[in-house]
Every structure is written in structure tokens, then in C-alpha cells.
């Protein structure tokens, strides 16, 4: 069984879809179901559609009734509830589309939800500008030369050292309230990051205008 899942949530619709064959499960929240229909996504590929259905009645597509999972808990977001279903099925990686755009409080909320799951499952967000995810205390990424790289502390990182970036760090500290590491770019094919304490988001964008 493939151990990677694909999840669509209710941000900006993706401009294109990844290869669906690499995923063992494909799901969406009820809000994302709207744009998937409009984009002519093959809805028969969906394993489930979950949510409180405040943005979708669940009644206008009877053929998909058996795929609707009603999750009415108002103390959790639809993203969080979908992740609970996915991790409950044993998946260890989730690629998320539609995590950004739209109302920015949703975007911040999605990052906070991902933070809560970071020790349980690998979550990677993809949008029109970048991919982004929490990284471990020792991390290496390859084939990255010329791409924008932003390092964002959540909320702080201590003793961070980077290699392969235009503006490197050596035993530095990052914090939401003082210094963050955004808008850097890779000058080598391989970038490494090590830090001792805290939690860190990496954003990997398109080719940098600086090169």
C-alpha cells in the first residue's frame, strides 16, 4: 500500500494536479470539493470528502454520498479533522494543495494545524509560489540551486547553521519577534540546515530573480 496521501483544502485552487498514481489515498474537505468539480477533477478518484459541510450541502451529488464523512466538531478546523482521518488510516506523508490564498487567517491556521501534527506525519504544502513544510533539526535538500529559500522560525530557533545559501547563518538565532530568515536563495545544488532548539518552516520557491 502506498503510504502517501493527497489532500485538497479550501484555499486557492491549484493550477494543475500532481500525478495521482503515486498516492495511496486522495481526499478533500467540503470546501475544496467545489473547486475540484469546477476544475473537472476526476471525482471518482476521491476516497473521501470530509467537513462540517458549512460550505457544501453534501446533497447535490448523490453519486458521491458514500464518500462524505460528516465531521461537525466546531473546535477543530476541517483541515485538522481530515488529517485525523488520514493519519488514522496509517499514512505517514500528506501532500496538501489549497493551503494558502484566500483569507489569510485560514493560511495561518493551516500552518498551526500542521505544527500540531509535525511529529506524527510529514505534511508538505504546495502552491503557485512555493512548497513549504516543517523540517527536522538536521535537514538537507538537493537540486535547489537558484531557488528562493525562506527559513521561518515557529516561533523561535536557536543555534542555526546553514550551508549553500547566499546569506548563510552560523550558530545564529531566529525569532518571530526579532530576526527571521526569509527571501534568501540557494547558490549551491545542495542546501543543509542544522539547529539545536525550536521549530522551523522552510519555504522553497521558484528560481530567484537574483540569479
C-alpha atoms as a PDB file:
ATOM      1  CA  UNK A   1       0.000   0.000   0.000  1.00  0.00           C
ATOM      2  CA  UNK A   2       1.318   3.463  -0.842  1.00  0.00           C
ATOM      3  CA  UNK A   3       1.962   5.434   2.322  1.00  0.00           C
ATOM      4  CA  UNK A   4       1.465   8.936   0.879  1.00  0.00           C
ATOM      5  CA  UNK A   5      -1.861  10.791   0.776  1.00  0.00           C
ATOM      6  CA  UNK A   6      -3.034  13.809  -1.236  1.00  0.00           C
ATOM      7  CA  UNK A   7      -5.374  16.292   0.455  1.00  0.00           C
ATOM      8  CA  UNK A   8      -7.146  19.287  -1.098  1.00  0.00           C
ATOM      9  CA  UNK A   9      -8.276  22.019   1.296  1.00  0.00           C
ATOM     10  CA  UNK A  10     -10.185  25.245   0.822  1.00  0.00           C
ATOM     11  CA  UNK A  11      -7.593  27.843  -0.223  1.00  0.00           C
ATOM     12  CA  UNK A  12      -6.625  28.896  -3.728  1.00  0.00           C
ATOM     13  CA  UNK A  13      -7.337  26.102  -6.230  1.00  0.00           C
ATOM     14  CA  UNK A  14      -4.200  24.517  -7.718  1.00  0.00           C
ATOM     15  CA  UNK A  15      -3.240  25.439 -11.277  1.00  0.00           C
ATOM     16  CA  UNK A  16      -2.512  21.778 -12.040  1.00  0.00           C
ATOM     17  CA  UNK A  17      -2.683  18.389 -10.391  1.00  0.00           C
ATOM     18  CA  UNK A  18       0.183  16.061  -9.493  1.00  0.00           C
ATOM     19  CA  UNK A  19       0.315  12.503 -10.779  1.00  0.00           C
ATOM     20  CA  UNK A  20      -2.447  10.754  -8.858  1.00  0.00           C
ATOM     21  CA  UNK A  21      -0.921   7.301  -9.257  1.00  0.00           C
ATOM     22  CA  UNK A  22       1.709   7.973  -6.571  1.00  0.00           C
ATOM     23  CA  UNK A  23      -0.887   8.349  -3.811  1.00  0.00           C
ATOM     24  CA  UNK A  24      -2.467   5.644  -1.724  1.00  0.00           C
ATOM     25  CA  UNK A  25      -5.320   7.945  -0.713  1.00  0.00           C
ATOM     26  CA  UNK A  26      -6.845  11.102  -2.201  1.00  0.00           C
ATOM     27  CA  UNK A  27      -9.263  13.262  -0.207  1.00  0.00           C
ATOM     28  CA  UNK A  28     -10.650  16.765   0.114  1.00  0.00           C
ATOM     29  CA  UNK A  29     -12.525  18.963   2.521  1.00  0.00           C
ATOM     30  CA  UNK A  30     -16.055  20.009   1.656  1.00  0.00           C
ATOM     31  CA  UNK A  31     -14.987  23.497   0.574  1.00  0.00           C
ATOM     32  CA  UNK A  32     -12.330  22.127  -1.785  1.00  0.00           C
ATOM     33  CA  UNK A  33     -14.934  19.838  -3.353  1.00  0.00           C
ATOM     34  CA  UNK A  34     -16.420  22.943  -5.009  1.00  0.00           C
ATOM     35  CA  UNK A  35     -13.302  23.886  -6.937  1.00  0.00           C
ATOM     36  CA  UNK A  36     -12.438  20.278  -7.783  1.00  0.00           C
ATOM     37  CA  UNK A  37     -15.780  19.997  -9.543  1.00  0.00           C
ATOM     38  CA  UNK A  38     -15.184  23.272 -11.392  1.00  0.00           C
ATOM     39  CA  UNK A  39     -11.705  22.118 -12.449  1.00  0.00           C
ATOM     40  CA  UNK A  40     -13.089  18.821 -13.770  1.00  0.00           C
ATOM     41  CA  UNK A  41     -11.018  16.804 -11.323  1.00  0.00           C
ATOM     42  CA  UNK A  42     -11.798  13.059 -11.609  1.00  0.00           C
ATOM     43  CA  UNK A  43     -14.018  12.911  -8.545  1.00  0.00           C
ATOM     44  CA  UNK A  44     -14.182   9.136  -8.701  1.00  0.00           C
ATOM     45  CA  UNK A  45     -10.543   9.184  -7.532  1.00  0.00           C
ATOM     46  CA  UNK A  46     -11.546  10.711  -4.184  1.00  0.00           C
ATOM     47  CA  UNK A  47     -11.540   8.317  -1.255  1.00  0.00           C
ATOM     48  CA  UNK A  48     -13.476  10.687   0.987  1.00  0.00           C
ATOM     49  CA  UNK A  49     -14.847  14.230   1.316  1.00  0.00           C
ATOM     50  CA  UNK A  50     -14.962  15.482   4.906  1.00  0.00           C
ATOM     51  CA  UNK A  51     -16.083  18.535   6.816  1.00  0.00           C
ATOM     52  CA  UNK A  52     -18.945  20.173   8.640  1.00  0.00           C
ATOM     53  CA  UNK A  53     -20.494  20.970   5.246  1.00  0.00           C
ATOM     54  CA  UNK A  54     -20.999  24.630   6.055  1.00  0.00           C
ATOM     55  CA  UNK A  55     -19.748  25.362   2.525  1.00  0.00           C
ATOM     56  CA  UNK A  56     -21.250  22.305   0.865  1.00  0.00           C
ATOM     57  CA  UNK A  57     -24.577  20.646   1.468  1.00  0.00           C
ATOM     58  CA  UNK A  58     -23.442  17.152   0.586  1.00  0.00           C
ATOM     59  CA  UNK A  59     -26.745  16.642  -1.185  1.00  0.00           C
ATOM     60  CA  UNK A  60     -26.225  17.888  -4.743  1.00  0.00           C
ATOM     61  CA  UNK A  61     -24.074  14.955  -5.866  1.00  0.00           C
ATOM     62  CA  UNK A  62     -25.896  11.832  -4.756  1.00  0.00           C
ATOM     63  CA  UNK A  63     -23.428   9.617  -6.587  1.00  0.00           C
ATOM     64  CA  UNK A  64     -20.758  10.643  -4.055  1.00  0.00           C
ATOM     65  CA  UNK A  65     -22.894  10.289  -0.939  1.00  0.00           C
ATOM     66  CA  UNK A  66     -20.951   7.257   0.268  1.00  0.00           C
ATOM     67  CA  UNK A  67     -17.725   9.301   0.230  1.00  0.00           C
ATOM     68  CA  UNK A  68     -18.974  12.090   2.510  1.00  0.00           C
ATOM     69  CA  UNK A  69     -17.718  11.973   6.098  1.00  0.00           C
ATOM     70  CA  UNK A  70     -19.547  14.403   8.360  1.00  0.00           C
ATOM     71  CA  UNK A  71     -17.185  15.946  10.954  1.00  0.00           C
ATOM     72  CA  UNK A  72     -19.220  18.544  12.879  1.00  0.00           C
ATOM     73  CA  UNK A  73     -16.739  19.351  15.699  1.00  0.00           C
ATOM     74  CA  UNK A  74     -16.548  23.166  15.658  1.00  0.00           C
ATOM     75  CA  UNK A  75     -13.488  23.155  17.947  1.00  0.00           C
ATOM     76  CA  UNK A  76     -11.388  21.812  15.075  1.00  0.00           C
ATOM     77  CA  UNK A  77     -10.841  23.015  11.520  1.00  0.00           C
ATOM     78  CA  UNK A  78     -11.826  20.907   8.526  1.00  0.00           C
ATOM     79  CA  UNK A  79      -8.113  20.535   7.728  1.00  0.00           C
ATOM     80  CA  UNK A  80      -7.392  19.162  11.185  1.00  0.00           C
ATOM     81  CA  UNK A  81     -10.284  16.733  11.035  1.00  0.00           C
ATOM     82  CA  UNK A  82      -9.242  15.476   7.595  1.00  0.00           C
ATOM     83  CA  UNK A  83      -5.696  14.898   8.881  1.00  0.00           C
ATOM     84  CA  UNK A  84      -7.063  12.903  11.790  1.00  0.00           C
ATOM     85  CA  UNK A  85      -8.895  10.631   9.370  1.00  0.00           C
ATOM     86  CA  UNK A  86      -5.812  10.244   7.154  1.00  0.00           C
ATOM     87  CA  UNK A  87      -3.361   9.545   9.979  1.00  0.00           C
ATOM     88  CA  UNK A  88      -5.884   7.132  11.484  1.00  0.00           C
ATOM     89  CA  UNK A  89      -5.523   5.121   8.288  1.00  0.00           C
ATOM     90  CA  UNK A  90      -1.771   4.856   8.791  1.00  0.00           C
ATOM     91  CA  UNK A  91      -0.438   7.335   6.231  1.00  0.00           C
ATOM     92  CA  UNK A  92       2.940   8.885   7.074  1.00  0.00           C
ATOM     93  CA  UNK A  93       3.091  11.646   4.443  1.00  0.00           C
ATOM     94  CA  UNK A  94       0.417  14.085   3.263  1.00  0.00           C
ATOM     95  CA  UNK A  95       0.794  16.467   0.320  1.00  0.00           C
ATOM     96  CA  UNK A  96      -1.584  19.408   0.724  1.00  0.00           C
ATOM     97  CA  UNK A  97      -2.928  21.619  -2.076  1.00  0.00           C
ATOM     98  CA  UNK A  98      -5.117  24.653  -1.408  1.00  0.00           C
ATOM     99  CA  UNK A  99      -3.426  25.513   1.885  1.00  0.00           C
ATOM    100  CA  UNK A 100      -2.754  29.172   1.077  1.00  0.00           C
ATOM    101  CA  UNK A 101      -4.547  32.093  -0.549  1.00  0.00           C
ATOM    102  CA  UNK A 102      -7.995  33.377   0.214  1.00  0.00           C
ATOM    103  CA  UNK A 103      -8.457  34.513   3.795  1.00  0.00           C
ATOM    104  CA  UNK A 104      -5.060  34.754   5.478  1.00  0.00           C
ATOM    105  CA  UNK A 105      -6.314  33.657   8.878  1.00  0.00           C
ATOM    106  CA  UNK A 106      -7.028  30.309   7.228  1.00  0.00           C
ATOM    107  CA  UNK A 107      -3.436  30.154   5.995  1.00  0.00           C
ATOM    108  CA  UNK A 108      -2.052  30.843   9.474  1.00  0.00           C
ATOM    109  CA  UNK A 109      -4.486  28.341  10.916  1.00  0.00           C
ATOM    110  CA  UNK A 110      -3.312  25.697   8.438  1.00  0.00           C
ATOM    111  CA  UNK A 111       0.313  26.214   9.483  1.00  0.00           C
ATOM    112  CA  UNK A 112      -0.699  25.892  13.127  1.00  0.00           C
ATOM    113  CA  UNK A 113      -2.555  22.652  12.415  1.00  0.00           C
ATOM    114  CA  UNK A 114       0.473  21.267  10.545  1.00  0.00           C
ATOM    115  CA  UNK A 115       2.665  22.208  13.515  1.00  0.00           C
ATOM    116  CA  UNK A 116       0.448  20.122  15.761  1.00  0.00           C
ATOM    117  CA  UNK A 117       0.890  17.075  13.523  1.00  0.00           C
ATOM    118  CA  UNK A 118       4.608  17.509  12.683  1.00  0.00           C
ATOM    119  CA  UNK A 119       5.793  14.690  14.967  1.00  0.00           C
ATOM    120  CA  UNK A 120       3.127  12.318  13.665  1.00  0.00           C
ATOM    121  CA  UNK A 121       3.127  12.793   9.905  1.00  0.00           C
ATOM    122  CA  UNK A 122       5.145  14.604   7.239  1.00  0.00           C
ATOM    123  CA  UNK A 123       2.982  17.391   5.777  1.00  0.00           C
ATOM    124  CA  UNK A 124       4.076  19.301   2.658  1.00  0.00           C
ATOM    125  CA  UNK A 125       2.121  22.233   1.281  1.00  0.00           C
ATOM    126  CA  UNK A 126       2.277  23.187  -2.399  1.00  0.00           C
ATOM    127  CA  UNK A 127       1.006  26.375  -4.027  1.00  0.00           C
ATOM    128  CA  UNK A 128       1.713  28.550  -7.060  1.00  0.00           C
ATOM    129  CA  UNK A 129       4.753  30.144  -5.410  1.00  0.00           C
ATOM    130  CA  UNK A 130       6.484  27.510  -3.311  1.00  0.00           C
ATOM    131  CA  UNK A 131       6.435  24.319  -1.336  1.00  0.00           C
ATOM    132  CA  UNK A 132       6.767  24.580   2.428  1.00  0.00           C
ATOM    133  CA  UNK A 133       6.945  22.310   5.438  1.00  0.00           C
ATOM    134  CA  UNK A 134       8.461  21.865   8.890  1.00  0.00           C
ATOM    135  CA  UNK A 135      11.966  20.423   8.836  1.00  0.00           C
ATOM    136  CA  UNK A 136      13.916  18.330  11.386  1.00  0.00           C
ATOM    137  CA  UNK A 137      16.962  19.636  13.245  1.00  0.00           C
ATOM    138  CA  UNK A 138      19.267  18.162  10.613  1.00  0.00           C
ATOM    139  CA  UNK A 139      17.995  18.666   7.085  1.00  0.00           C
ATOM    140  CA  UNK A 140      19.380  18.552   3.535  1.00  0.00           C
ATOM    141  CA  UNK A 141      17.648  19.334   0.238  1.00  0.00           C
ATOM    142  CA  UNK A 142      19.192  18.801  -3.215  1.00  0.00           C
ATOM    143  CA  UNK A 143      18.701  20.123  -6.756  1.00  0.00           C
ATOM    144  CA  UNK A 144      17.836  23.540  -5.394  1.00  0.00           C
ATOM    145  CA  UNK A 145      20.391  25.940  -6.885  1.00  0.00           C
ATOM    146  CA  UNK A 146      18.852  29.275  -7.890  1.00  0.00           C
ATOM    147  CA  UNK A 147      15.639  28.780  -5.915  1.00  0.00           C
ATOM    148  CA  UNK A 148      14.291  31.104  -3.271  1.00  0.00           C
ATOM    149  CA  UNK A 149      14.664  29.690   0.239  1.00  0.00           C
ATOM    150  CA  UNK A 150      12.982  31.189   3.290  1.00  0.00           C
ATOM    151  CA  UNK A 151      13.514  29.937   6.831  1.00  0.00           C
ATOM    152  CA  UNK A 152      10.746  30.884   9.216  1.00  0.00           C
ATOM    153  CA  UNK A 153      11.020  30.223  12.979  1.00  0.00           C
ATOM    154  CA  UNK A 154       7.888  28.898  14.655  1.00  0.00           C
ATOM    155  CA  UNK A 155       8.222  30.837  16.943  1.00  0.00           C
ATOM    156  CA  UNK A 156      11.998  30.628  17.539  1.00  0.00           C
ATOM    157  CA  UNK A 157      15.088  28.654  16.527  1.00  0.00           C
ATOM    158  CA  UNK A 158      18.435  28.599  18.336  1.00  0.00           C
ATOM    159  CA  UNK A 159      21.961  27.875  17.066  1.00  0.00           C
ATOM    160  CA  UNK A 160      21.071  27.501  13.418  1.00  0.00           C
ATOM    161  CA  UNK A 161      23.773  26.935  10.790  1.00  0.00           C
ATOM    162  CA  UNK A 162      23.147  26.794   7.059  1.00  0.00           C
ATOM    163  CA  UNK A 163      25.267  25.859   4.051  1.00  0.00           C
ATOM    164  CA  UNK A 164      24.554  26.531   0.392  1.00  0.00           C
ATOM    165  CA  UNK A 165      22.612  29.771   0.850  1.00  0.00           C
ATOM    166  CA  UNK A 166      23.664  33.204  -0.407  1.00  0.00           C
ATOM    167  CA  UNK A 167      23.352  34.644   3.115  1.00  0.00           C
ATOM    168  CA  UNK A 168      24.491  31.830   5.422  1.00  0.00           C
ATOM    169  CA  UNK A 169      23.914  31.532   9.139  1.00  0.00           C
ATOM    170  CA  UNK A 170      26.473  30.249  11.648  1.00  0.00           C
ATOM    171  CA  UNK A 171      25.183  29.408  15.131  1.00  0.00           C
ATOM    172  CA  UNK A 172      22.563  32.126  14.748  1.00  0.00           C
ATOM    173  CA  UNK A 173      19.153  32.584  16.288  1.00  0.00           C
ATOM    174  CA  UNK A 174      15.848  33.301  14.555  1.00  0.00           C
ATOM    175  CA  UNK A 175      12.631  34.524  16.132  1.00  0.00           C
ATOM    176  CA  UNK A 176       9.213  35.702  15.019  1.00  0.00           C
ATOM    177  CA  UNK A 177       9.683  38.816  17.133  1.00  0.00           C
ATOM    178  CA  UNK A 178      13.183  39.828  16.029  1.00  0.00           C
ATOM    179  CA  UNK A 179      15.013  38.173  13.134  1.00  0.00           C
ATOM    180  CA  UNK A 180      13.558  35.839  10.518  1.00  0.00           C
ATOM    181  CA  UNK A 181      15.306  34.215   7.565  1.00  0.00           C
ATOM    182  CA  UNK A 182      13.089  34.989   4.590  1.00  0.00           C
ATOM    183  CA  UNK A 183      13.948  35.765   0.949  1.00  0.00           C
ATOM    184  CA  UNK A 184      17.315  34.007   0.803  1.00  0.00           C
ATOM    185  CA  UNK A 185      18.339  31.881  -2.182  1.00  0.00           C
ATOM    186  CA  UNK A 186      20.399  28.788  -2.901  1.00  0.00           C
ATOM    187  CA  UNK A 187      23.804  29.252  -4.519  1.00  0.00           C
ATOM    188  CA  UNK A 188      24.629  25.507  -4.456  1.00  0.00           C
ATOM    189  CA  UNK A 189      22.769  22.439  -5.658  1.00  0.00           C
ATOM    190  CA  UNK A 190      22.555  21.242  -2.055  1.00  0.00           C
ATOM    191  CA  UNK A 191      21.415  23.232   0.970  1.00  0.00           C
ATOM    192  CA  UNK A 192      21.795  21.975   4.529  1.00  0.00           C
ATOM    193  CA  UNK A 193      20.258  23.331   7.721  1.00  0.00           C
ATOM    194  CA  UNK A 194      21.070  22.363  11.308  1.00  0.00           C
ATOM    195  CA  UNK A 195      19.680  23.859  14.502  1.00  0.00           C
ATOM    196  CA  UNK A 196      19.601  22.892  18.161  1.00  0.00           C
ATOM    197  CA  UNK A 197      16.309  24.125  19.556  1.00  0.00           C
ATOM    198  CA  UNK A 198      12.906  25.266  18.302  1.00  0.00           C
ATOM    199  CA  UNK A 199      10.840  24.558  15.204  1.00  0.00           C
ATOM    200  CA  UNK A 200      11.485  25.716  11.661  1.00  0.00           C
ATOM    201  CA  UNK A 201       9.484  26.074   8.481  1.00  0.00           C
ATOM    202  CA  UNK A 202      11.240  26.043   5.123  1.00  0.00           C
ATOM    203  CA  UNK A 203       9.739  27.642   2.026  1.00  0.00           C
ATOM    204  CA  UNK A 204      11.295  26.597  -1.298  1.00  0.00           C
ATOM    205  CA  UNK A 205      10.183  28.775  -4.161  1.00  0.00           C
ATOM    206  CA  UNK A 206      10.815  29.241  -7.839  1.00  0.00           C
ATOM    207  CA  UNK A 207      14.088  30.413  -9.360  1.00  0.00           C
ATOM    208  CA  UNK A 208      15.329  33.565  -7.633  1.00  0.00           C
ATOM    209  CA  UNK A 209      15.461  36.866  -9.554  1.00  0.00           C
ATOM    210  CA  UNK A 210      18.885  37.371  -8.003  1.00  0.00           C
ATOM    211  CA  UNK A 211      20.486  34.806 -10.341  1.00  0.00           C
END
